């Protein structure tokens, strides 16, 4: 296996390590994580400030964790990120209930939804 590919696999596994509990949920988490890594790569090309990109990157981990923990999906589709931000109540309970943190989380979710639509999903 290519060293870069091996490093990417290891990075993905470390990123999602708290998102799954069995083989099926592990595969789902891998797919969520892969999409979020693609989204992060996209964010880094958009011209947003470094601080804004960093905040979105931090929120991406939370989006993935909440989706894998509370989403109850049998199979993965990028469509799960379309629509209004999900798991806001869980975010407030488990992460932060500050207005700024919640607004930031929702902004990341909406930006992710726009990205997923740009890939052709939800049409």
PDB file of N, CA and C in Angstrom:
ATOM      1  N   UNK A   1       0.845  -1.179   0.000  1.00  0.00           N
ATOM      2  CA  UNK A   1       0.000   0.000   0.000  1.00  0.00           C
ATOM      3  C   UNK A   1       0.892   1.244   0.000  1.00  0.00           C
ATOM      4  N   UNK A   2       0.494   2.236  -0.759  1.00  0.00           N
ATOM      5  CA  UNK A   2       1.201   3.499  -0.862  1.00  0.00           C
ATOM      6  C   UNK A   2       1.297   4.167   0.521  1.00  0.00           C
ATOM      7  N   UNK A   3       2.471   4.733   0.838  1.00  0.00           N
ATOM      8  CA  UNK A   3       2.686   5.356   2.151  1.00  0.00           C
ATOM      9  C   UNK A   3       1.679   6.476   2.405  1.00  0.00           C
ATOM     10  N   UNK A   4       1.404   7.325   1.409  1.00  0.00           N
ATOM     11  CA  UNK A   4       0.437   8.410   1.597  1.00  0.00           C
ATOM     12  C   UNK A   4      -0.956   7.855   1.879  1.00  0.00           C
ATOM     13  N   UNK A   5      -1.326   6.802   1.147  1.00  0.00           N
ATOM     14  CA  UNK A   5      -2.622   6.179   1.359  1.00  0.00           C
ATOM     15  C   UNK A   5      -2.695   5.567   2.754  1.00  0.00           C
ATOM     16  N   UNK A   6      -1.619   4.947   3.179  1.00  0.00           N
ATOM     17  CA  UNK A   6      -1.552   4.365   4.520  1.00  0.00           C
ATOM     18  C   UNK A   6      -1.703   5.457   5.578  1.00  0.00           C
ATOM     19  N   UNK A   7      -1.037   6.598   5.384  1.00  0.00           N
ATOM     20  CA  UNK A   7      -1.157   7.719   6.317  1.00  0.00           C
ATOM     21  C   UNK A   7      -2.571   8.271   6.339  1.00  0.00           C
ATOM     22  N   UNK A   8      -3.211   8.371   5.165  1.00  0.00           N
ATOM     23  CA  UNK A   8      -4.593   8.843   5.096  1.00  0.00           C
ATOM     24  C   UNK A   8      -5.533   7.892   5.821  1.00  0.00           C
ATOM     25  N   UNK A   9      -5.328   6.601   5.649  1.00  0.00           N
ATOM     26  CA  UNK A   9      -6.155   5.598   6.338  1.00  0.00           C
ATOM     27  C   UNK A   9      -5.991   5.718   7.842  1.00  0.00           C
ATOM     28  N   UNK A  10      -4.752   5.873   8.304  1.00  0.00           N
ATOM     29  CA  UNK A  10      -4.483   5.998   9.731  1.00  0.00           C
ATOM     30  C   UNK A  10      -5.110   7.283  10.279  1.00  0.00           C
ATOM     31  N   UNK A  11      -4.991   8.369   9.536  1.00  0.00           N
ATOM     32  CA  UNK A  11      -5.578   9.642   9.958  1.00  0.00           C
ATOM     33  C   UNK A  11      -7.098   9.516  10.070  1.00  0.00           C
ATOM     34  N   UNK A  12      -7.715   8.863   9.095  1.00  0.00           N
ATOM     35  CA  UNK A  12      -9.161   8.654   9.133  1.00  0.00           C
ATOM     36  C   UNK A  12      -9.551   7.816  10.346  1.00  0.00           C
ATOM     37  N   UNK A  13      -8.835   6.725  10.589  1.00  0.00           N
ATOM     38  CA  UNK A  13      -9.155   5.851  11.721  1.00  0.00           C
ATOM     39  C   UNK A  13      -9.019   6.600  13.054  1.00  0.00           C
ATOM     40  N   UNK A  14      -8.006   7.431  13.179  1.00  0.00           N
ATOM     41  CA  UNK A  14      -7.838   8.213  14.400  1.00  0.00           C
ATOM     42  C   UNK A  14      -8.964   9.236  14.558  1.00  0.00           C
ATOM     43  N   UNK A  15      -9.384   9.830  13.450  1.00  0.00           N
ATOM     44  CA  UNK A  15     -10.439  10.847  13.455  1.00  0.00           C
ATOM     45  C   UNK A  15     -11.766  10.260  13.921  1.00  0.00           C
ATOM     46  N   UNK A  16     -12.083   9.051  13.481  1.00  0.00           N
ATOM     47  CA  UNK A  16     -13.395   8.454  13.742  1.00  0.00           C
ATOM     48  C   UNK A  16     -13.407   7.487  14.931  1.00  0.00           C
ATOM     49  N   UNK A  17     -12.327   7.358  15.641  1.00  0.00           N
ATOM     50  CA  UNK A  17     -12.211   6.306  16.657  1.00  0.00           C
ATOM     51  C   UNK A  17     -13.311   6.326  17.715  1.00  0.00           C
ATOM     52  N   UNK A  18     -13.936   7.458  17.961  1.00  0.00           N
ATOM     53  CA  UNK A  18     -15.010   7.530  18.961  1.00  0.00           C
ATOM     54  C   UNK A  18     -16.407   7.489  18.347  1.00  0.00           C
ATOM     55  N   UNK A  19     -16.503   7.180  17.076  1.00  0.00           N
ATOM     56  CA  UNK A  19     -17.775   7.272  16.362  1.00  0.00           C
ATOM     57  C   UNK A  19     -18.467   5.931  16.141  1.00  0.00           C
ATOM     58  N   UNK A  20     -17.888   4.816  16.500  1.00  0.00           N
ATOM     59  CA  UNK A  20     -18.488   3.522  16.161  1.00  0.00           C
ATOM     60  C   UNK A  20     -18.318   2.523  17.293  1.00  0.00           C
ATOM     61  N   UNK A  21     -19.085   1.429  17.211  1.00  0.00           N
ATOM     62  CA  UNK A  21     -19.061   0.408  18.260  1.00  0.00           C
ATOM     63  C   UNK A  21     -19.066  -1.013  17.718  1.00  0.00           C
ATOM     64  N   UNK A  22     -19.274  -1.191  16.406  1.00  0.00           N
ATOM     65  CA  UNK A  22     -19.220  -2.521  15.802  1.00  0.00           C
ATOM     66  C   UNK A  22     -18.802  -2.370  14.336  1.00  0.00           C
ATOM     67  N   UNK A  23     -18.752  -3.489  13.629  1.00  0.00           N
ATOM     68  CA  UNK A  23     -18.262  -3.468  12.249  1.00  0.00           C
ATOM     69  C   UNK A  23     -19.128  -2.606  11.332  1.00  0.00           C
ATOM     70  N   UNK A  24     -20.455  -2.726  11.446  1.00  0.00           N
ATOM     71  CA  UNK A  24     -21.349  -1.952  10.585  1.00  0.00           C
ATOM     72  C   UNK A  24     -21.233  -0.454  10.878  1.00  0.00           C
ATOM     73  N   UNK A  25     -21.208  -0.098  12.143  1.00  0.00           N
ATOM     74  CA  UNK A  25     -21.097   1.323  12.481  1.00  0.00           C
ATOM     75  C   UNK A  25     -19.696   1.854  12.136  1.00  0.00           C
ATOM     76  N   UNK A  26     -18.693   0.986  12.149  1.00  0.00           N
ATOM     77  CA  UNK A  26     -17.346   1.400  11.758  1.00  0.00           C
ATOM     78  C   UNK A  26     -17.325   1.781  10.275  1.00  0.00           C
ATOM     79  N   UNK A  27     -17.945   0.973   9.443  1.00  0.00           N
ATOM     80  CA  UNK A  27     -17.986   1.280   8.001  1.00  0.00           C
ATOM     81  C   UNK A  27     -18.748   2.578   7.759  1.00  0.00           C
ATOM     82  N   UNK A  28     -19.859   2.761   8.443  1.00  0.00           N
ATOM     83  CA  UNK A  28     -20.630   3.998   8.312  1.00  0.00           C
ATOM     84  C   UNK A  28     -19.762   5.192   8.730  1.00  0.00           C
ATOM     85  N   UNK A  29     -19.080   5.078   9.859  1.00  0.00           N
ATOM     86  CA  UNK A  29     -18.213   6.153  10.348  1.00  0.00           C
ATOM     87  C   UNK A  29     -17.096   6.462   9.348  1.00  0.00           C
ATOM     88  N   UNK A  30     -16.535   5.428   8.745  1.00  0.00           N
ATOM     89  CA  UNK A  30     -15.487   5.633   7.729  1.00  0.00           C
ATOM     90  C   UNK A  30     -16.030   6.458   6.558  1.00  0.00           C
ATOM     91  N   UNK A  31     -17.233   6.167   6.137  1.00  0.00           N
ATOM     92  CA  UNK A  31     -17.827   6.887   5.009  1.00  0.00           C
ATOM     93  C   UNK A  31     -18.148   8.335   5.381  1.00  0.00           C
ATOM     94  N   UNK A  32     -18.669   8.536   6.585  1.00  0.00           N
ATOM     95  CA  UNK A  32     -18.919   9.902   7.068  1.00  0.00           C
ATOM     96  C   UNK A  32     -17.596  10.658   7.154  1.00  0.00           C
ATOM     97  N   UNK A  33     -16.602  10.049   7.758  1.00  0.00           N
ATOM     98  CA  UNK A  33     -15.298  10.689   7.903  1.00  0.00           C
ATOM     99  C   UNK A  33     -14.661  11.031   6.565  1.00  0.00           C
ATOM    100  N   UNK A  34     -14.782  10.134   5.605  1.00  0.00           N
ATOM    101  CA  UNK A  34     -14.226  10.385   4.270  1.00  0.00           C
ATOM    102  C   UNK A  34     -14.881  11.605   3.636  1.00  0.00           C
ATOM    103  N   UNK A  35     -16.211  11.694   3.724  1.00  0.00           N
ATOM    104  CA  UNK A  35     -16.903  12.865   3.171  1.00  0.00           C
ATOM    105  C   UNK A  35     -16.469  14.130   3.905  1.00  0.00           C
ATOM    106  N   UNK A  36     -16.353  14.066   5.219  1.00  0.00           N
ATOM    107  CA  UNK A  36     -15.944  15.255   5.970  1.00  0.00           C
ATOM    108  C   UNK A  36     -14.512  15.669   5.628  1.00  0.00           C
ATOM    109  N   UNK A  37     -13.624  14.706   5.398  1.00  0.00           N
ATOM    110  CA  UNK A  37     -12.260  15.044   4.963  1.00  0.00           C
ATOM    111  C   UNK A  37     -12.293  15.744   3.598  1.00  0.00           C
ATOM    112  N   UNK A  38     -13.151  15.279   2.698  1.00  0.00           N
ATOM    113  CA  UNK A  38     -13.281  15.927   1.386  1.00  0.00           C
ATOM    114  C   UNK A  38     -13.806  17.354   1.552  1.00  0.00           C
ATOM    115  N   UNK A  39     -14.767  17.513   2.451  1.00  0.00           N
ATOM    116  CA  UNK A  39     -15.329  18.836   2.728  1.00  0.00           C
ATOM    117  C   UNK A  39     -14.255  19.756   3.320  1.00  0.00           C
ATOM    118  N   UNK A  40     -13.454  19.240   4.237  1.00  0.00           N
ATOM    119  CA  UNK A  40     -12.373  20.031   4.827  1.00  0.00           C
ATOM    120  C   UNK A  40     -11.368  20.450   3.752  1.00  0.00           C
ATOM    121  N   UNK A  41     -11.022  19.527   2.856  1.00  0.00           N
ATOM    122  CA  UNK A  41     -10.127  19.873   1.741  1.00  0.00           C
ATOM    123  C   UNK A  41     -10.728  21.009   0.922  1.00  0.00           C
ATOM    124  N   UNK A  42     -12.034  20.926   0.670  1.00  0.00           N
ATOM    125  CA  UNK A  42     -12.732  21.979  -0.075  1.00  0.00           C
ATOM    126  C   UNK A  42     -12.663  23.305   0.692  1.00  0.00           C
ATOM    127  N   UNK A  43     -12.939  23.270   1.991  1.00  0.00           N
ATOM    128  CA  UNK A  43     -12.923  24.502   2.795  1.00  0.00           C
ATOM    129  C   UNK A  43     -11.590  25.225   2.684  1.00  0.00           C
ATOM    130  N   UNK A  44     -10.521  24.458   2.634  1.00  0.00           N
ATOM    131  CA  UNK A  44      -9.187  25.055   2.597  1.00  0.00           C
ATOM    132  C   UNK A  44      -8.880  25.734   1.269  1.00  0.00           C
ATOM    133  N   UNK A  45      -9.777  25.577   0.270  1.00  0.00           N
ATOM    134  CA  UNK A  45      -9.579  26.228  -1.028  1.00  0.00           C
ATOM    135  C   UNK A  45     -10.531  27.391  -1.255  1.00  0.00           C
ATOM    136  N   UNK A  46     -11.372  27.720  -0.272  1.00  0.00           N
ATOM    137  CA  UNK A  46     -12.448  28.686  -0.489  1.00  0.00           C
ATOM    138  C   UNK A  46     -12.070  30.133  -0.233  1.00  0.00           C
ATOM    139  N   UNK A  47     -10.918  30.383   0.363  1.00  0.00           N
ATOM    140  CA  UNK A  47     -10.523  31.756   0.657  1.00  0.00           C
ATOM    141  C   UNK A  47     -11.070  32.271   1.979  1.00  0.00           C
ATOM    142  N   UNK A  48     -11.700  31.396   2.764  1.00  0.00           N
ATOM    143  CA  UNK A  48     -12.143  31.798   4.096  1.00  0.00           C
ATOM    144  C   UNK A  48     -10.920  32.069   4.966  1.00  0.00           C
ATOM    145  N   UNK A  49     -11.112  32.871   5.999  1.00  0.00           N
ATOM    146  CA  UNK A  49      -9.993  33.137   6.903  1.00  0.00           C
ATOM    147  C   UNK A  49      -9.561  31.837   7.579  1.00  0.00           C
ATOM    148  N   UNK A  50      -8.324  31.821   8.011  1.00  0.00           N
ATOM    149  CA  UNK A  50      -7.787  30.631   8.680  1.00  0.00           C
ATOM    150  C   UNK A  50      -8.594  30.313   9.940  1.00  0.00           C
ATOM    151  N   UNK A  51      -9.003  31.343  10.643  1.00  0.00           N
ATOM    152  CA  UNK A  51      -9.796  31.152  11.868  1.00  0.00           C
ATOM    153  C   UNK A  51     -11.156  30.520  11.555  1.00  0.00           C
ATOM    154  N   UNK A  52     -11.802  30.988  10.501  1.00  0.00           N
ATOM    155  CA  UNK A  52     -13.104  30.441  10.112  1.00  0.00           C
ATOM    156  C   UNK A  52     -12.967  28.996   9.659  1.00  0.00           C
ATOM    157  N   UNK A  53     -11.961  28.715   8.866  1.00  0.00           N
ATOM    158  CA  UNK A  53     -11.726  27.338   8.426  1.00  0.00           C
ATOM    159  C   UNK A  53     -11.469  26.442   9.632  1.00  0.00           C
ATOM    160  N   UNK A  54     -10.670  26.897  10.574  1.00  0.00           N
ATOM    161  CA  UNK A  54     -10.364  26.110  11.780  1.00  0.00           C
ATOM    162  C   UNK A  54     -11.640  25.810  12.556  1.00  0.00           C
ATOM    163  N   UNK A  55     -12.532  26.795  12.673  1.00  0.00           N
ATOM    164  CA  UNK A  55     -13.779  26.590  13.412  1.00  0.00           C
ATOM    165  C   UNK A  55     -14.644  25.553  12.687  1.00  0.00           C
ATOM    166  N   UNK A  56     -14.723  25.640  11.360  1.00  0.00           N
ATOM    167  CA  UNK A  56     -15.479  24.644  10.592  1.00  0.00           C
ATOM    168  C   UNK A  56     -14.860  23.252  10.752  1.00  0.00           C
ATOM    169  N   UNK A  57     -13.537  23.180  10.728  1.00  0.00           N
ATOM    170  CA  UNK A  57     -12.863  21.884  10.892  1.00  0.00           C
ATOM    171  C   UNK A  57     -13.195  21.291  12.266  1.00  0.00           C
ATOM    172  N   UNK A  58     -13.143  22.111  13.302  1.00  0.00           N
ATOM    173  CA  UNK A  58     -13.494  21.629  14.639  1.00  0.00           C
ATOM    174  C   UNK A  58     -14.942  21.143  14.681  1.00  0.00           C
ATOM    175  N   UNK A  59     -15.822  21.896  14.059  1.00  0.00           N
ATOM    176  CA  UNK A  59     -17.238  21.523  14.034  1.00  0.00           C
ATOM    177  C   UNK A  59     -17.480  20.258  13.208  1.00  0.00           C
ATOM    178  N   UNK A  60     -16.677  20.021  12.196  1.00  0.00           N
ATOM    179  CA  UNK A  60     -16.846  18.820  11.370  1.00  0.00           C
ATOM    180  C   UNK A  60     -16.727  17.560  12.212  1.00  0.00           C
ATOM    181  N   UNK A  61     -15.778  17.546  13.125  1.00  0.00           N
ATOM    182  CA  UNK A  61     -15.637  16.366  13.977  1.00  0.00           C
ATOM    183  C   UNK A  61     -16.918  16.145  14.779  1.00  0.00           C
ATOM    184  N   UNK A  62     -17.471  17.221  15.314  1.00  0.00           N
ATOM    185  CA  UNK A  62     -18.694  17.123  16.112  1.00  0.00           C
ATOM    186  C   UNK A  62     -19.865  16.680  15.236  1.00  0.00           C
ATOM    187  N   UNK A  63     -19.964  17.225  14.032  1.00  0.00           N
ATOM    188  CA  UNK A  63     -21.027  16.815  13.093  1.00  0.00           C
ATOM    189  C   UNK A  63     -20.942  15.312  12.858  1.00  0.00           C
ATOM    190  N   UNK A  64     -19.758  14.821  12.573  1.00  0.00           N
ATOM    191  CA  UNK A  64     -19.586  13.388  12.327  1.00  0.00           C
ATOM    192  C   UNK A  64     -19.907  12.550  13.542  1.00  0.00           C
ATOM    193  N   UNK A  65     -19.418  12.965  14.690  1.00  0.00           N
ATOM    194  CA  UNK A  65     -19.672  12.234  15.935  1.00  0.00           C
ATOM    195  C   UNK A  65     -21.162  12.169  16.246  1.00  0.00           C
ATOM    196  N   UNK A  66     -21.854  13.310  16.130  1.00  0.00           N
ATOM    197  CA  UNK A  66     -23.288  13.324  16.411  1.00  0.00           C
ATOM    198  C   UNK A  66     -24.068  12.504  15.392  1.00  0.00           C
ATOM    199  N   UNK A  67     -23.701  12.615  14.124  1.00  0.00           N
ATOM    200  CA  UNK A  67     -24.391  11.838  13.086  1.00  0.00           C
ATOM    201  C   UNK A  67     -24.221  10.351  13.330  1.00  0.00           C
ATOM    202  N   UNK A  68     -23.031   9.934  13.652  1.00  0.00           N
ATOM    203  CA  UNK A  68     -22.774   8.508  13.901  1.00  0.00           C
ATOM    204  C   UNK A  68     -23.408   8.032  15.212  1.00  0.00           C
ATOM    205  N   UNK A  69     -23.499   8.903  16.191  1.00  0.00           N
ATOM    206  CA  UNK A  69     -24.042   8.520  17.493  1.00  0.00           C
ATOM    207  C   UNK A  69     -25.566   8.555  17.549  1.00  0.00           C
ATOM    208  N   UNK A  70     -26.176   9.493  16.829  1.00  0.00           N
ATOM    209  CA  UNK A  70     -27.617   9.714  16.968  1.00  0.00           C
ATOM    210  C   UNK A  70     -28.405   9.580  15.667  1.00  0.00           C
ATOM    211  N   UNK A  71     -27.730   9.348  14.540  1.00  0.00           N
ATOM    212  CA  UNK A  71     -28.406   9.357  13.247  1.00  0.00           C
ATOM    213  C   UNK A  71     -29.222   8.125  12.917  1.00  0.00           C
ATOM    214  N   UNK A  72     -28.847   6.971  13.457  1.00  0.00           N
ATOM    215  CA  UNK A  72     -29.578   5.723  13.229  1.00  0.00           C
ATOM    216  C   UNK A  72     -29.806   5.413  11.746  1.00  0.00           C
ATOM    217  N   UNK A  73     -28.747   5.444  10.970  1.00  0.00           N
ATOM    218  CA  UNK A  73     -28.813   5.101   9.552  1.00  0.00           C
ATOM    219  C   UNK A  73     -28.217   3.715   9.345  1.00  0.00           C
ATOM    220  N   UNK A  74     -28.838   2.932   8.471  1.00  0.00           N
ATOM    221  CA  UNK A  74     -28.298   1.614   8.142  1.00  0.00           C
ATOM    222  C   UNK A  74     -27.215   1.713   7.078  1.00  0.00           C
ATOM    223  N   UNK A  75     -27.363   2.664   6.169  1.00  0.00           N
ATOM    224  CA  UNK A  75     -26.389   2.849   5.096  1.00  0.00           C
ATOM    225  C   UNK A  75     -26.054   4.334   4.973  1.00  0.00           C
ATOM    226  N   UNK A  76     -24.900   4.605   4.401  1.00  0.00           N
ATOM    227  CA  UNK A  76     -24.447   5.982   4.258  1.00  0.00           C
ATOM    228  C   UNK A  76     -24.895   6.567   2.927  1.00  0.00           C
ATOM    229  N   UNK A  77     -25.306   7.802   2.962  1.00  0.00           N
ATOM    230  CA  UNK A  77     -25.519   8.620   1.780  1.00  0.00           C
ATOM    231  C   UNK A  77     -25.208  10.058   2.181  1.00  0.00           C
ATOM    232  N   UNK A  78     -24.546  10.811   1.312  1.00  0.00           N
ATOM    233  CA  UNK A  78     -24.302  12.222   1.634  1.00  0.00           C
ATOM    234  C   UNK A  78     -25.596  13.003   1.889  1.00  0.00           C
ATOM    235  N   UNK A  79     -26.731  12.473   1.413  1.00  0.00           N
ATOM    236  CA  UNK A  79     -28.025  13.132   1.627  1.00  0.00           C
ATOM    237  C   UNK A  79     -28.329  13.367   3.102  1.00  0.00           C
ATOM    238  N   UNK A  80     -27.721  12.599   3.997  1.00  0.00           N
ATOM    239  CA  UNK A  80     -28.017  12.767   5.422  1.00  0.00           C
ATOM    240  C   UNK A  80     -27.614  14.147   5.924  1.00  0.00           C
ATOM    241  N   UNK A  81     -26.784  14.848   5.169  1.00  0.00           N
ATOM    242  CA  UNK A  81     -26.344  16.173   5.581  1.00  0.00           C
ATOM    243  C   UNK A  81     -27.139  17.303   4.938  1.00  0.00           C
ATOM    244  N   UNK A  82     -28.166  16.951   4.171  1.00  0.00           N
ATOM    245  CA  UNK A  82     -28.998  17.969   3.548  1.00  0.00           C
ATOM    246  C   UNK A  82     -30.072  18.431   4.524  1.00  0.00           C
ATOM    247  N   UNK A  83     -30.629  19.582   4.276  1.00  0.00           N
ATOM    248  CA  UNK A  83     -31.675  20.094   5.148  1.00  0.00           C
ATOM    249  C   UNK A  83     -31.095  20.926   6.286  1.00  0.00           C
ATOM    250  N   UNK A  84     -31.953  21.169   7.242  1.00  0.00           N
ATOM    251  CA  UNK A  84     -31.549  21.976   8.397  1.00  0.00           C
ATOM    252  C   UNK A  84     -30.547  21.216   9.269  1.00  0.00           C
ATOM    253  N   UNK A  85     -29.749  21.945  10.024  1.00  0.00           N
ATOM    254  CA  UNK A  85     -28.796  21.289  10.925  1.00  0.00           C
ATOM    255  C   UNK A  85     -29.495  20.318  11.883  1.00  0.00           C
ATOM    256  N   UNK A  86     -28.922  19.151  12.019  1.00  0.00           N
ATOM    257  CA  UNK A  86     -29.474  18.123  12.897  1.00  0.00           C
ATOM    258  C   UNK A  86     -28.731  18.093  14.228  1.00  0.00           C
ATOM    259  N   UNK A  87     -29.379  17.489  15.208  1.00  0.00           N
ATOM    260  CA  UNK A  87     -28.770  17.198  16.511  1.00  0.00           C
ATOM    261  C   UNK A  87     -28.386  18.446  17.304  1.00  0.00           C
ATOM    262  N   UNK A  88     -29.139  19.530  17.110  1.00  0.00           N
ATOM    263  CA  UNK A  88     -28.858  20.761  17.848  1.00  0.00           C
ATOM    264  C   UNK A  88     -29.056  20.555  19.351  1.00  0.00           C
ATOM    265  N   UNK A  89     -30.095  19.821  19.720  1.00  0.00           N
ATOM    266  CA  UNK A  89     -30.338  19.563  21.141  1.00  0.00           C
ATOM    267  C   UNK A  89     -29.185  18.760  21.734  1.00  0.00           C
ATOM    268  N   UNK A  90     -28.741  17.741  20.999  1.00  0.00           N
ATOM    269  CA  UNK A  90     -27.614  16.931  21.466  1.00  0.00           C
ATOM    270  C   UNK A  90     -26.341  17.770  21.554  1.00  0.00           C
ATOM    271  N   UNK A  91     -26.149  18.666  20.582  1.00  0.00           N
ATOM    272  CA  UNK A  91     -24.990  19.554  20.613  1.00  0.00           C
ATOM    273  C   UNK A  91     -25.018  20.392  21.888  1.00  0.00           C
ATOM    274  N   UNK A  92     -26.166  20.979  22.184  1.00  0.00           N
ATOM    275  CA  UNK A  92     -26.285  21.812  23.384  1.00  0.00           C
ATOM    276  C   UNK A  92     -26.037  20.999  24.648  1.00  0.00           C
ATOM    277  N   UNK A  93     -26.519  19.764  24.679  1.00  0.00           N
ATOM    278  CA  UNK A  93     -26.374  18.922  25.862  1.00  0.00           C
ATOM    279  C   UNK A  93     -24.961  18.371  26.026  1.00  0.00           C
ATOM    280  N   UNK A  94     -24.337  17.948  24.931  1.00  0.00           N
ATOM    281  CA  UNK A  94     -23.066  17.222  24.995  1.00  0.00           C
ATOM    282  C   UNK A  94     -21.831  18.084  24.725  1.00  0.00           C
ATOM    283  N   UNK A  95     -22.008  19.195  23.994  1.00  0.00           N
ATOM    284  CA  UNK A  95     -20.841  19.985  23.581  1.00  0.00           C
ATOM    285  C   UNK A  95     -20.849  21.364  24.223  1.00  0.00           C
ATOM    286  N   UNK A  96     -21.844  22.182  23.878  1.00  0.00           N
ATOM    287  CA  UNK A  96     -21.918  23.538  24.418  1.00  0.00           C
ATOM    288  C   UNK A  96     -23.301  24.114  24.169  1.00  0.00           C
ATOM    289  N   UNK A  97     -23.794  24.861  25.140  1.00  0.00           N
ATOM    290  CA  UNK A  97     -25.068  25.530  24.938  1.00  0.00           C
ATOM    291  C   UNK A  97     -24.893  27.039  24.728  1.00  0.00           C
ATOM    292  N   UNK A  98     -23.662  27.479  24.490  1.00  0.00           N
ATOM    293  CA  UNK A  98     -23.453  28.906  24.228  1.00  0.00           C
ATOM    294  C   UNK A  98     -24.040  29.254  22.858  1.00  0.00           C
ATOM    295  N   UNK A  99     -24.630  30.426  22.782  1.00  0.00           N
ATOM    296  CA  UNK A  99     -25.253  30.858  21.518  1.00  0.00           C
ATOM    297  C   UNK A  99     -24.232  30.868  20.383  1.00  0.00           C
ATOM    298  N   UNK A 100     -23.013  31.328  20.684  1.00  0.00           N
ATOM    299  CA  UNK A 100     -21.971  31.394  19.666  1.00  0.00           C
ATOM    300  C   UNK A 100     -21.614  29.999  19.148  1.00  0.00           C
ATOM    301  N   UNK A 101     -21.423  29.048  20.059  1.00  0.00           N
ATOM    302  CA  UNK A 101     -21.044  27.688  19.661  1.00  0.00           C
ATOM    303  C   UNK A 101     -22.151  27.033  18.839  1.00  0.00           C
ATOM    304  N   UNK A 102     -23.401  27.208  19.249  1.00  0.00           N
ATOM    305  CA  UNK A 102     -24.527  26.625  18.517  1.00  0.00           C
ATOM    306  C   UNK A 102     -24.632  27.255  17.131  1.00  0.00           C
ATOM    307  N   UNK A 103     -24.500  28.570  17.057  1.00  0.00           N
ATOM    308  CA  UNK A 103     -24.562  29.254  15.756  1.00  0.00           C
ATOM    309  C   UNK A 103     -23.426  28.792  14.851  1.00  0.00           C
ATOM    310  N   UNK A 104     -22.248  28.604  15.397  1.00  0.00           N
ATOM    311  CA  UNK A 104     -21.103  28.135  14.626  1.00  0.00           C
ATOM    312  C   UNK A 104     -21.338  26.714  14.106  1.00  0.00           C
ATOM    313  N   UNK A 105     -21.844  25.842  14.962  1.00  0.00           N
ATOM    314  CA  UNK A 105     -22.179  24.463  14.576  1.00  0.00           C
ATOM    315  C   UNK A 105     -23.186  24.465  13.431  1.00  0.00           C
ATOM    316  N   UNK A 106     -24.242  25.270  13.569  1.00  0.00           N
ATOM    317  CA  UNK A 106     -25.269  25.339  12.523  1.00  0.00           C
ATOM    318  C   UNK A 106     -24.687  25.880  11.217  1.00  0.00           C
ATOM    319  N   UNK A 107     -23.792  26.859  11.311  1.00  0.00           N
ATOM    320  CA  UNK A 107     -23.167  27.424  10.107  1.00  0.00           C
ATOM    321  C   UNK A 107     -22.342  26.360   9.382  1.00  0.00           C
ATOM    322  N   UNK A 108     -21.620  25.552  10.134  1.00  0.00           N
ATOM    323  CA  UNK A 108     -20.839  24.474   9.517  1.00  0.00           C
ATOM    324  C   UNK A 108     -21.764  23.476   8.849  1.00  0.00           C
ATOM    325  N   UNK A 109     -22.841  23.093   9.534  1.00  0.00           N
ATOM    326  CA  UNK A 109     -23.789  22.134   8.962  1.00  0.00           C
ATOM    327  C   UNK A 109     -24.365  22.684   7.650  1.00  0.00           C
ATOM    328  N   UNK A 110     -24.756  23.956   7.630  1.00  0.00           N
ATOM    329  CA  UNK A 110     -25.333  24.557   6.413  1.00  0.00           C
ATOM    330  C   UNK A 110     -24.307  24.611   5.287  1.00  0.00           C
ATOM    331  N   UNK A 111     -23.077  24.939   5.618  1.00  0.00           N
ATOM    332  CA  UNK A 111     -22.017  24.974   4.598  1.00  0.00           C
ATOM    333  C   UNK A 111     -21.771  23.565   4.066  1.00  0.00           C
ATOM    334  N   UNK A 112     -21.806  22.565   4.937  1.00  0.00           N
ATOM    335  CA  UNK A 112     -21.670  21.174   4.514  1.00  0.00           C
ATOM    336  C   UNK A 112     -22.828  20.778   3.605  1.00  0.00           C
ATOM    337  N   UNK A 113     -24.037  21.181   3.940  1.00  0.00           N
ATOM    338  CA  UNK A 113     -25.209  20.874   3.098  1.00  0.00           C
ATOM    339  C   UNK A 113     -25.046  21.494   1.710  1.00  0.00           C
ATOM    340  N   UNK A 114     -24.570  22.731   1.638  1.00  0.00           N
ATOM    341  CA  UNK A 114     -24.329  23.363   0.325  1.00  0.00           C
ATOM    342  C   UNK A 114     -23.272  22.591  -0.460  1.00  0.00           C
ATOM    343  N   UNK A 115     -22.231  22.148   0.234  1.00  0.00           N
ATOM    344  CA  UNK A 115     -21.185  21.359  -0.414  1.00  0.00           C
ATOM    345  C   UNK A 115     -21.765  20.058  -0.972  1.00  0.00           C
ATOM    346  N   UNK A 116     -22.567  19.358  -0.192  1.00  0.00           N
ATOM    347  CA  UNK A 116     -23.172  18.097  -0.628  1.00  0.00           C
ATOM    348  C   UNK A 116     -24.068  18.344  -1.841  1.00  0.00           C
ATOM    349  N   UNK A 117     -24.848  19.435  -1.822  1.00  0.00           N
ATOM    350  CA  UNK A 117     -25.676  19.767  -2.991  1.00  0.00           C
ATOM    351  C   UNK A 117     -24.805  20.041  -4.213  1.00  0.00           C
ATOM    352  N   UNK A 118     -23.647  20.670  -4.006  1.00  0.00           N
ATOM    353  CA  UNK A 118     -22.752  20.979  -5.135  1.00  0.00           C
ATOM    354  C   UNK A 118     -22.197  19.693  -5.770  1.00  0.00           C
ATOM    355  N   UNK A 119     -22.216  18.596  -5.011  1.00  0.00           N
ATOM    356  CA  UNK A 119     -21.769  17.299  -5.534  1.00  0.00           C
ATOM    357  C   UNK A 119     -22.880  16.596  -6.317  1.00  0.00           C
ATOM    358  N   UNK A 120     -24.086  17.192  -6.325  1.00  0.00           N
ATOM    359  CA  UNK A 120     -25.190  16.632  -7.084  1.00  0.00           C
ATOM    360  C   UNK A 120     -26.194  15.850  -6.277  1.00  0.00           C
ATOM    361  N   UNK A 121     -26.088  15.866  -4.971  1.00  0.00           N
ATOM    362  CA  UNK A 121     -27.045  15.146  -4.124  1.00  0.00           C
ATOM    363  C   UNK A 121     -28.228  16.031  -3.800  1.00  0.00           C
ATOM    364  N   UNK A 122     -29.356  15.416  -3.525  1.00  0.00           N
ATOM    365  CA  UNK A 122     -30.539  16.144  -3.116  1.00  0.00           C
ATOM    366  C   UNK A 122     -31.285  16.834  -4.227  1.00  0.00           C
ATOM    367  N   UNK A 123     -31.003  16.444  -5.453  1.00  0.00           N
ATOM    368  CA  UNK A 123     -31.684  17.092  -6.583  1.00  0.00           C
ATOM    369  C   UNK A 123     -32.847  16.264  -7.045  1.00  0.00           C
TER     370      UNK A 123
END
